[in-house]
Amino acid sequence: MFKEVQNVKDEIDDEVEKYLNLGVITSSSFINVMEWWMAGKDVFLAHYQMATDYLGTFATSPPSERVNNMVGHKFTVAK
């Protein structure tokens, strides 16, 4: 079991090393980040999975803000 965990750790370490060796990516035009990760998913599989989880998340959370706002109104005592 320890060997399996060590192999996964080694694979992740190798993947991180490859990613860091890419350096800074510059472009004079728009880069679609999701397409970039999809193109590199075979090279960066673990990071691809993490990136798609986070890139698919909204930067703001209006639905939760609305819920918090409504709850605040319900529990506010009118004076």
PDB file of N, CA and C in Angstrom:
ATOM      1  N   MET A   1       0.822  -1.190   0.000  1.00  0.00           N
ATOM      2  CA  MET A   1       0.000   0.000   0.000  1.00  0.00           C
ATOM      3  C   MET A   1       0.867   1.255   0.000  1.00  0.00           C
ATOM      4  N   PHE A   2       1.944   1.260   0.789  1.00  0.00           N
ATOM      5  CA  PHE A   2       2.825   2.408   0.846  1.00  0.00           C
ATOM      6  C   PHE A   2       3.446   2.696  -0.508  1.00  0.00           C
ATOM      7  N   LYS A   3       3.778   1.626  -1.248  1.00  0.00           N
ATOM      8  CA  LYS A   3       4.370   1.819  -2.578  1.00  0.00           C
ATOM      9  C   LYS A   3       3.390   2.528  -3.513  1.00  0.00           C
ATOM     10  N   GLU A   4       2.109   2.163  -3.407  1.00  0.00           N
ATOM     11  CA  GLU A   4       1.105   2.804  -4.259  1.00  0.00           C
ATOM     12  C   GLU A   4       1.005   4.287  -3.941  1.00  0.00           C
ATOM     13  N   VAL A   5       0.986   4.623  -2.656  1.00  0.00           N
ATOM     14  CA  VAL A   5       0.927   6.029  -2.245  1.00  0.00           C
ATOM     15  C   VAL A   5       2.183   6.750  -2.711  1.00  0.00           C
ATOM     16  N   GLN A   6       3.322   6.127  -2.571  1.00  0.00           N
ATOM     17  CA  GLN A   6       4.579   6.741  -3.001  1.00  0.00           C
ATOM     18  C   GLN A   6       4.578   6.952  -4.512  1.00  0.00           C
ATOM     19  N   ASN A   7       4.048   5.992  -5.267  1.00  0.00           N
ATOM     20  CA  ASN A   7       3.987   6.145  -6.721  1.00  0.00           C
ATOM     21  C   ASN A   7       3.103   7.323  -7.111  1.00  0.00           C
ATOM     22  N   VAL A   8       1.964   7.472  -6.437  1.00  0.00           N
ATOM     23  CA  VAL A   8       1.071   8.595  -6.725  1.00  0.00           C
ATOM     24  C   VAL A   8       1.771   9.902  -6.385  1.00  0.00           C
ATOM     25  N   LYS A   9       2.460   9.942  -5.247  1.00  0.00           N
ATOM     26  CA  LYS A   9       3.186  11.144  -4.853  1.00  0.00           C
ATOM     27  C   LYS A   9       4.254  11.474  -5.889  1.00  0.00           C
ATOM     28  N   ASP A  10       4.974  10.474  -6.356  1.00  0.00           N
ATOM     29  CA  ASP A  10       6.005  10.696  -7.369  1.00  0.00           C
ATOM     30  C   ASP A  10       5.399  11.220  -8.667  1.00  0.00           C
ATOM     31  N   GLU A  11       4.258  10.662  -9.051  1.00  0.00           N
ATOM     32  CA  GLU A  11       3.592  11.120 -10.267  1.00  0.00           C
ATOM     33  C   GLU A  11       3.162  12.581 -10.139  1.00  0.00           C
ATOM     34  N   ILE A  12       2.605  12.940  -8.979  1.00  0.00           N
ATOM     35  CA  ILE A  12       2.183  14.322  -8.743  1.00  0.00           C
ATOM     36  C   ILE A  12       3.395  15.240  -8.750  1.00  0.00           C
ATOM     37  N   ASP A  13       4.467  14.820  -8.085  1.00  0.00           N
ATOM     38  CA  ASP A  13       5.693  15.625  -8.065  1.00  0.00           C
ATOM     39  C   ASP A  13       6.222  15.853  -9.477  1.00  0.00           C
ATOM     40  N   ASP A  14       6.218  14.803 -10.305  1.00  0.00           N
ATOM     41  CA  ASP A  14       6.660  14.935 -11.693  1.00  0.00           C
ATOM     42  C   ASP A  14       5.764  15.909 -12.454  1.00  0.00           C
ATOM     43  N   GLU A  15       4.467  15.820 -12.202  1.00  0.00           N
ATOM     44  CA  GLU A  15       3.511  16.684 -12.884  1.00  0.00           C
ATOM     45  C   GLU A  15       3.726  18.145 -12.481  1.00  0.00           C
ATOM     46  N   VAL A  16       3.957  18.361 -11.203  1.00  0.00           N
ATOM     47  CA  VAL A  16       4.218  19.729 -10.724  1.00  0.00           C
ATOM     48  C   VAL A  16       5.492  20.266 -11.365  1.00  0.00           C
ATOM     49  N   GLU A  17       6.505  19.446 -11.422  1.00  0.00           N
ATOM     50  CA  GLU A  17       7.772  19.859 -12.026  1.00  0.00           C
ATOM     51  C   GLU A  17       7.575  20.250 -13.501  1.00  0.00           C
ATOM     52  N   LYS A  18       6.829  19.451 -14.253  1.00  0.00           N
ATOM     53  CA  LYS A  18       6.536  19.764 -15.659  1.00  0.00           C
ATOM     54  C   LYS A  18       5.790  21.082 -15.780  1.00  0.00           C
ATOM     55  N   TYR A  19       4.805  21.272 -14.896  1.00  0.00           N
ATOM     56  CA  TYR A  19       3.994  22.490 -14.929  1.00  0.00           C
ATOM     57  C   TYR A  19       4.854  23.717 -14.632  1.00  0.00           C
ATOM     58  N   LEU A  20       5.690  23.625 -13.608  1.00  0.00           N
ATOM     59  CA  LEU A  20       6.543  24.752 -13.255  1.00  0.00           C
ATOM     60  C   LEU A  20       7.578  25.048 -14.328  1.00  0.00           C
ATOM     61  N   ASN A  21       8.017  24.026 -15.053  1.00  0.00           N
ATOM     62  CA  ASN A  21       8.995  24.221 -16.120  1.00  0.00           C
ATOM     63  C   ASN A  21       8.410  24.911 -17.345  1.00  0.00           C
ATOM     64  N   LEU A  22       7.086  24.982 -17.425  1.00  0.00           N
ATOM     65  CA  LEU A  22       6.472  25.700 -18.544  1.00  0.00           C
ATOM     66  C   LEU A  22       6.818  27.177 -18.514  1.00  0.00           C
ATOM     67  N   GLY A  23       6.988  27.702 -17.329  1.00  0.00           N
ATOM     68  CA  GLY A  23       7.266  29.130 -17.194  1.00  0.00           C
ATOM     69  C   GLY A  23       6.004  29.949 -17.420  1.00  0.00           C
ATOM     70  N   VAL A  24       6.194  31.235 -17.631  1.00  0.00           N
ATOM     71  CA  VAL A  24       5.076  32.143 -17.844  1.00  0.00           C
ATOM     72  C   VAL A  24       4.624  32.050 -19.293  1.00  0.00           C
ATOM     73  N   ILE A  25       3.338  31.903 -19.489  1.00  0.00           N
ATOM     74  CA  ILE A  25       2.777  31.839 -20.839  1.00  0.00           C
ATOM     75  C   ILE A  25       2.245  33.219 -21.184  1.00  0.00           C
ATOM     76  N   THR A  26       2.732  33.779 -22.257  1.00  0.00           N
ATOM     77  CA  THR A  26       2.269  35.098 -22.691  1.00  0.00           C
ATOM     78  C   THR A  26       1.614  34.975 -24.054  1.00  0.00           C
ATOM     79  N   SER A  27       0.681  35.874 -24.301  1.00  0.00           N
ATOM     80  CA  SER A  27      -0.015  35.873 -25.579  1.00  0.00           C
ATOM     81  C   SER A  27      -0.534  37.272 -25.846  1.00  0.00           C
ATOM     82  N   SER A  28      -0.570  37.643 -27.121  1.00  0.00           N
ATOM     83  CA  SER A  28      -1.114  38.953 -27.471  1.00  0.00           C
ATOM     84  C   SER A  28      -2.625  38.862 -27.701  1.00  0.00           C
ATOM     85  N   SER A  29      -3.155  37.645 -27.623  1.00  0.00           N
ATOM     86  CA  SER A  29      -4.594  37.470 -27.803  1.00  0.00           C
ATOM     87  C   SER A  29      -5.179  36.703 -26.613  1.00  0.00           C
ATOM     88  N   PHE A  30      -6.478  36.572 -26.627  1.00  0.00           N
ATOM     89  CA  PHE A  30      -7.209  35.895 -25.554  1.00  0.00           C
ATOM     90  C   PHE A  30      -6.829  34.422 -25.485  1.00  0.00           C
ATOM     91  N   ILE A  31      -6.586  33.928 -24.285  1.00  0.00           N
ATOM     92  CA  ILE A  31      -6.320  32.509 -24.079  1.00  0.00           C
ATOM     93  C   ILE A  31      -7.515  31.920 -23.342  1.00  0.00           C
ATOM     94  N   ASN A  32      -8.142  30.922 -23.951  1.00  0.00           N
ATOM     95  CA  ASN A  32      -9.241  30.231 -23.289  1.00  0.00           C
ATOM     96  C   ASN A  32      -8.622  29.214 -22.341  1.00  0.00           C
ATOM     97  N   VAL A  33      -8.705  29.502 -21.058  1.00  0.00           N
ATOM     98  CA  VAL A  33      -8.035  28.684 -20.047  1.00  0.00           C
ATOM     99  C   VAL A  33      -8.575  27.257 -20.033  1.00  0.00           C
ATOM    100  N   MET A  34      -9.889  27.102 -20.194  1.00  0.00           N
ATOM    101  CA  MET A  34     -10.465  25.748 -20.197  1.00  0.00           C
ATOM    102  C   MET A  34      -9.930  24.940 -21.379  1.00  0.00           C
ATOM    103  N   GLU A  35      -9.806  25.573 -22.546  1.00  0.00           N
ATOM    104  CA  GLU A  35      -9.258  24.860 -23.711  1.00  0.00           C
ATOM    105  C   GLU A  35      -7.794  24.491 -23.471  1.00  0.00           C
ATOM    106  N   TRP A  36      -7.045  25.404 -22.822  1.00  0.00           N
ATOM    107  CA  TRP A  36      -5.639  25.134 -22.530  1.00  0.00           C
ATOM    108  C   TRP A  36      -5.523  23.907 -21.642  1.00  0.00           C
ATOM    109  N   TRP A  37      -6.350  23.833 -20.587  1.00  0.00           N
ATOM    110  CA  TRP A  37      -6.303  22.682 -19.687  1.00  0.00           C
ATOM    111  C   TRP A  37      -6.766  21.417 -20.389  1.00  0.00           C
ATOM    112  N   MET A  38      -7.768  21.523 -21.258  1.00  0.00           N
ATOM    113  CA  MET A  38      -8.232  20.331 -21.992  1.00  0.00           C
ATOM    114  C   MET A  38      -7.141  19.805 -22.902  1.00  0.00           C
ATOM    115  N   ALA A  39      -6.391  20.704 -23.533  1.00  0.00           N
ATOM    116  CA  ALA A  39      -5.311  20.279 -24.428  1.00  0.00           C
ATOM    117  C   ALA A  39      -4.174  19.611 -23.649  1.00  0.00           C
ATOM    118  N   GLY A  40      -3.976  20.014 -22.396  1.00  0.00           N
ATOM    119  CA  GLY A  40      -2.881  19.461 -21.610  1.00  0.00           C
ATOM    120  C   GLY A  40      -3.285  18.420 -20.586  1.00  0.00           C
ATOM    121  N   LYS A  41      -4.521  17.938 -20.690  1.00  0.00           N
ATOM    122  CA  LYS A  41      -4.985  17.020 -19.647  1.00  0.00           C
ATOM    123  C   LYS A  41      -4.214  15.703 -19.604  1.00  0.00           C
ATOM    124  N   ASP A  42      -3.667  15.260 -20.712  1.00  0.00           N
ATOM    125  CA  ASP A  42      -2.891  14.020 -20.692  1.00  0.00           C
ATOM    126  C   ASP A  42      -1.561  14.202 -19.971  1.00  0.00           C
ATOM    127  N   VAL A  43      -1.023  15.415 -20.022  1.00  0.00           N
ATOM    128  CA  VAL A  43       0.251  15.699 -19.373  1.00  0.00           C
ATOM    129  C   VAL A  43       0.048  16.056 -17.900  1.00  0.00           C
ATOM    130  N   PHE A  44      -1.047  16.786 -17.621  1.00  0.00           N
ATOM    131  CA  PHE A  44      -1.320  17.287 -16.270  1.00  0.00           C
ATOM    132  C   PHE A  44      -2.657  16.760 -15.756  1.00  0.00           C
ATOM    133  N   LEU A  45      -2.816  15.453 -15.713  1.00  0.00           N
ATOM    134  CA  LEU A  45      -4.113  14.866 -15.383  1.00  0.00           C
ATOM    135  C   LEU A  45      -4.631  15.287 -14.005  1.00  0.00           C
ATOM    136  N   ALA A  46      -3.821  15.180 -12.979  1.00  0.00           N
ATOM    137  CA  ALA A  46      -4.279  15.544 -11.627  1.00  0.00           C
ATOM    138  C   ALA A  46      -4.600  17.030 -11.551  1.00  0.00           C
ATOM    139  N   HIS A  47      -3.768  17.844 -12.159  1.00  0.00           N
ATOM    140  CA  HIS A  47      -4.002  19.288 -12.140  1.00  0.00           C
ATOM    141  C   HIS A  47      -5.178  19.665 -13.038  1.00  0.00           C
ATOM    142  N   TYR A  48      -5.376  18.933 -14.103  1.00  0.00           N
ATOM    143  CA  TYR A  48      -6.523  19.178 -14.987  1.00  0.00           C
ATOM    144  C   TYR A  48      -7.827  18.975 -14.211  1.00  0.00           C
ATOM    145  N   GLN A  49      -7.902  17.903 -13.452  1.00  0.00           N
ATOM    146  CA  GLN A  49      -9.111  17.627 -12.673  1.00  0.00           C
ATOM    147  C   GLN A  49      -9.367  18.737 -11.660  1.00  0.00           C
ATOM    148  N   MET A  50      -8.324  19.185 -10.990  1.00  0.00           N
ATOM    149  CA  MET A  50      -8.456  20.260 -10.014  1.00  0.00           C
ATOM    150  C   MET A  50      -8.836  21.571 -10.716  1.00  0.00           C
ATOM    151  N   ALA A  51      -8.205  21.861 -11.836  1.00  0.00           N
ATOM    152  CA  ALA A  51      -8.480  23.106 -12.559  1.00  0.00           C
ATOM    153  C   ALA A  51      -9.925  23.160 -13.040  1.00  0.00           C
ATOM    154  N   THR A  52     -10.433  22.055 -13.563  1.00  0.00           N
ATOM    155  CA  THR A  52     -11.815  22.077 -14.047  1.00  0.00           C
ATOM    156  C   THR A  52     -12.799  22.200 -12.889  1.00  0.00           C
ATOM    157  N   ASP A  53     -12.447  21.671 -11.725  1.00  0.00           N
ATOM    158  CA  ASP A  53     -13.305  21.853 -10.548  1.00  0.00           C
ATOM    159  C   ASP A  53     -13.387  23.324 -10.178  1.00  0.00           C
ATOM    160  N   TYR A  54     -12.247  23.995 -10.151  1.00  0.00           N
ATOM    161  CA  TYR A  54     -12.217  25.386  -9.708  1.00  0.00           C
ATOM    162  C   TYR A  54     -12.600  26.368 -10.801  1.00  0.00           C
ATOM    163  N   LEU A  55     -12.232  26.090 -12.035  1.00  0.00           N
ATOM    164  CA  LEU A  55     -12.577  27.009 -13.122  1.00  0.00           C
ATOM    165  C   LEU A  55     -14.066  26.986 -13.418  1.00  0.00           C
ATOM    166  N   GLY A  56     -14.737  25.918 -13.048  1.00  0.00           N
ATOM    167  CA  GLY A  56     -16.182  25.835 -13.255  1.00  0.00           C
ATOM    168  C   GLY A  56     -16.989  26.481 -12.143  1.00  0.00           C
ATOM    169  N   THR A  57     -16.301  27.038 -11.144  1.00  0.00           N
ATOM    170  CA  THR A  57     -16.962  27.664 -10.002  1.00  0.00           C
ATOM    171  C   THR A  57     -17.120  29.154 -10.269  1.00  0.00           C
ATOM    172  N   PHE A  58     -18.283  29.689  -9.942  1.00  0.00           N
ATOM    173  CA  PHE A  58     -18.525  31.107 -10.147  1.00  0.00           C
ATOM    174  C   PHE A  58     -17.603  31.927  -9.260  1.00  0.00           C
ATOM    175  N   ALA A  59     -17.140  33.063  -9.774  1.00  0.00           N
ATOM    176  CA  ALA A  59     -16.279  33.946  -8.993  1.00  0.00           C
ATOM    177  C   ALA A  59     -17.074  34.622  -7.882  1.00  0.00           C
ATOM    178  N   THR A  60     -18.340  34.865  -8.115  1.00  0.00           N
ATOM    179  CA  THR A  60     -19.200  35.422  -7.077  1.00  0.00           C
ATOM    180  C   THR A  60     -20.314  34.424  -6.821  1.00  0.00           C
ATOM    181  N   SER A  61     -21.000  34.606  -5.746  1.00  0.00           N
ATOM    182  CA  SER A  61     -22.048  33.648  -5.407  1.00  0.00           C
ATOM    183  C   SER A  61     -23.363  34.362  -5.116  1.00  0.00           C
ATOM    184  N   PRO A  62     -23.969  35.007  -6.121  1.00  0.00           N
ATOM    185  CA  PRO A  62     -25.234  35.715  -5.887  1.00  0.00           C
ATOM    186  C   PRO A  62     -26.328  34.842  -5.273  1.00  0.00           C
ATOM    187  N   PRO A  63     -26.494  33.573  -5.667  1.00  0.00           N
ATOM    188  CA  PRO A  63     -27.553  32.783  -5.032  1.00  0.00           C
ATOM    189  C   PRO A  63     -27.368  32.680  -3.518  1.00  0.00           C
ATOM    190  N   SER A  64     -26.153  32.426  -3.074  1.00  0.00           N
ATOM    191  CA  SER A  64     -25.932  32.310  -1.628  1.00  0.00           C
ATOM    192  C   SER A  64     -26.053  33.670  -0.956  1.00  0.00           C
ATOM    193  N   GLU A  65     -25.651  34.729  -1.649  1.00  0.00           N
ATOM    194  CA  GLU A  65     -25.800  36.063  -1.071  1.00  0.00           C
ATOM    195  C   GLU A  65     -27.278  36.403  -0.891  1.00  0.00           C
ATOM    196  N   ARG A  66     -28.099  36.014  -1.856  1.00  0.00           N
ATOM    197  CA  ARG A  66     -29.542  36.276  -1.740  1.00  0.00           C
ATOM    198  C   ARG A  66     -30.136  35.503  -0.568  1.00  0.00           C
ATOM    199  N   VAL A  67     -29.709  34.257  -0.390  1.00  0.00           N
ATOM    200  CA  VAL A  67     -30.219  33.448   0.719  1.00  0.00           C
ATOM    201  C   VAL A  67     -29.814  34.092   2.044  1.00  0.00           C
ATOM    202  N   ASN A  68     -28.546  34.477   2.158  1.00  0.00           N
ATOM    203  CA  ASN A  68     -28.090  35.109   3.392  1.00  0.00           C
ATOM    204  C   ASN A  68     -28.851  36.405   3.654  1.00  0.00           C
ATOM    205  N   ASN A  69     -29.111  37.160   2.615  1.00  0.00           N
ATOM    206  CA  ASN A  69     -29.843  38.410   2.747  1.00  0.00           C
ATOM    207  C   ASN A  69     -31.277  38.145   3.225  1.00  0.00           C
ATOM    208  N   MET A  70     -31.938  37.154   2.628  1.00  0.00           N
ATOM    209  CA  MET A  70     -33.314  36.826   3.021  1.00  0.00           C
ATOM    210  C   MET A  70     -33.353  36.331   4.464  1.00  0.00           C
ATOM    211  N   VAL A  71     -32.408  35.495   4.847  1.00  0.00           N
ATOM    212  CA  VAL A  71     -32.365  34.979   6.205  1.00  0.00           C
ATOM    213  C   VAL A  71     -32.147  36.126   7.182  1.00  0.00           C
ATOM    214  N   GLY A  72     -31.296  37.061   6.817  1.00  0.00           N
ATOM    215  CA  GLY A  72     -31.052  38.216   7.670  1.00  0.00           C
ATOM    216  C   GLY A  72     -32.309  39.030   7.898  1.00  0.00           C
ATOM    217  N   HIS A  73     -33.125  39.186   6.850  1.00  0.00           N
ATOM    218  CA  HIS A  73     -34.384  39.935   6.990  1.00  0.00           C
ATOM    219  C   HIS A  73     -35.383  39.183   7.873  1.00  0.00           C
ATOM    220  N   LYS A  74     -35.405  37.869   7.775  1.00  0.00           N
ATOM    221  CA  LYS A  74     -36.355  37.075   8.550  1.00  0.00           C
ATOM    222  C   LYS A  74     -36.046  37.132  10.052  1.00  0.00           C
ATOM    223  N   PHE A  75     -34.748  37.193  10.375  1.00  0.00           N
ATOM    224  CA  PHE A  75     -34.362  37.128  11.772  1.00  0.00           C
ATOM    225  C   PHE A  75     -34.022  38.489  12.384  1.00  0.00           C
ATOM    226  N   THR A  76     -34.207  39.543  11.613  1.00  0.00           N
ATOM    227  CA  THR A  76     -33.966  40.879  12.143  1.00  0.00           C
ATOM    228  C   THR A  76     -35.197  41.323  12.932  1.00  0.00           C
ATOM    229  N   VAL A  77     -34.963  41.761  14.122  1.00  0.00           N
ATOM    230  CA  VAL A  77     -36.064  42.219  14.971  1.00  0.00           C
ATOM    231  C   VAL A  77     -36.320  43.691  14.655  1.00  0.00           C
ATOM    232  N   ALA A  78     -37.573  43.971  14.293  1.00  0.00           N
ATOM    233  CA  ALA A  78     -37.949  45.357  13.987  1.00  0.00           C
ATOM    234  C   ALA A  78     -38.112  46.131  15.291  1.00  0.00           C
ATOM    235  N   LYS A  79     -37.613  47.334  15.310  1.00  0.00           N
ATOM    236  CA  LYS A  79     -37.715  48.157  16.522  1.00  0.00           C
ATOM    237  C   LYS A  79     -38.762  49.223  16.380  1.00  0.00           C
TER     238      LYS A  79
END
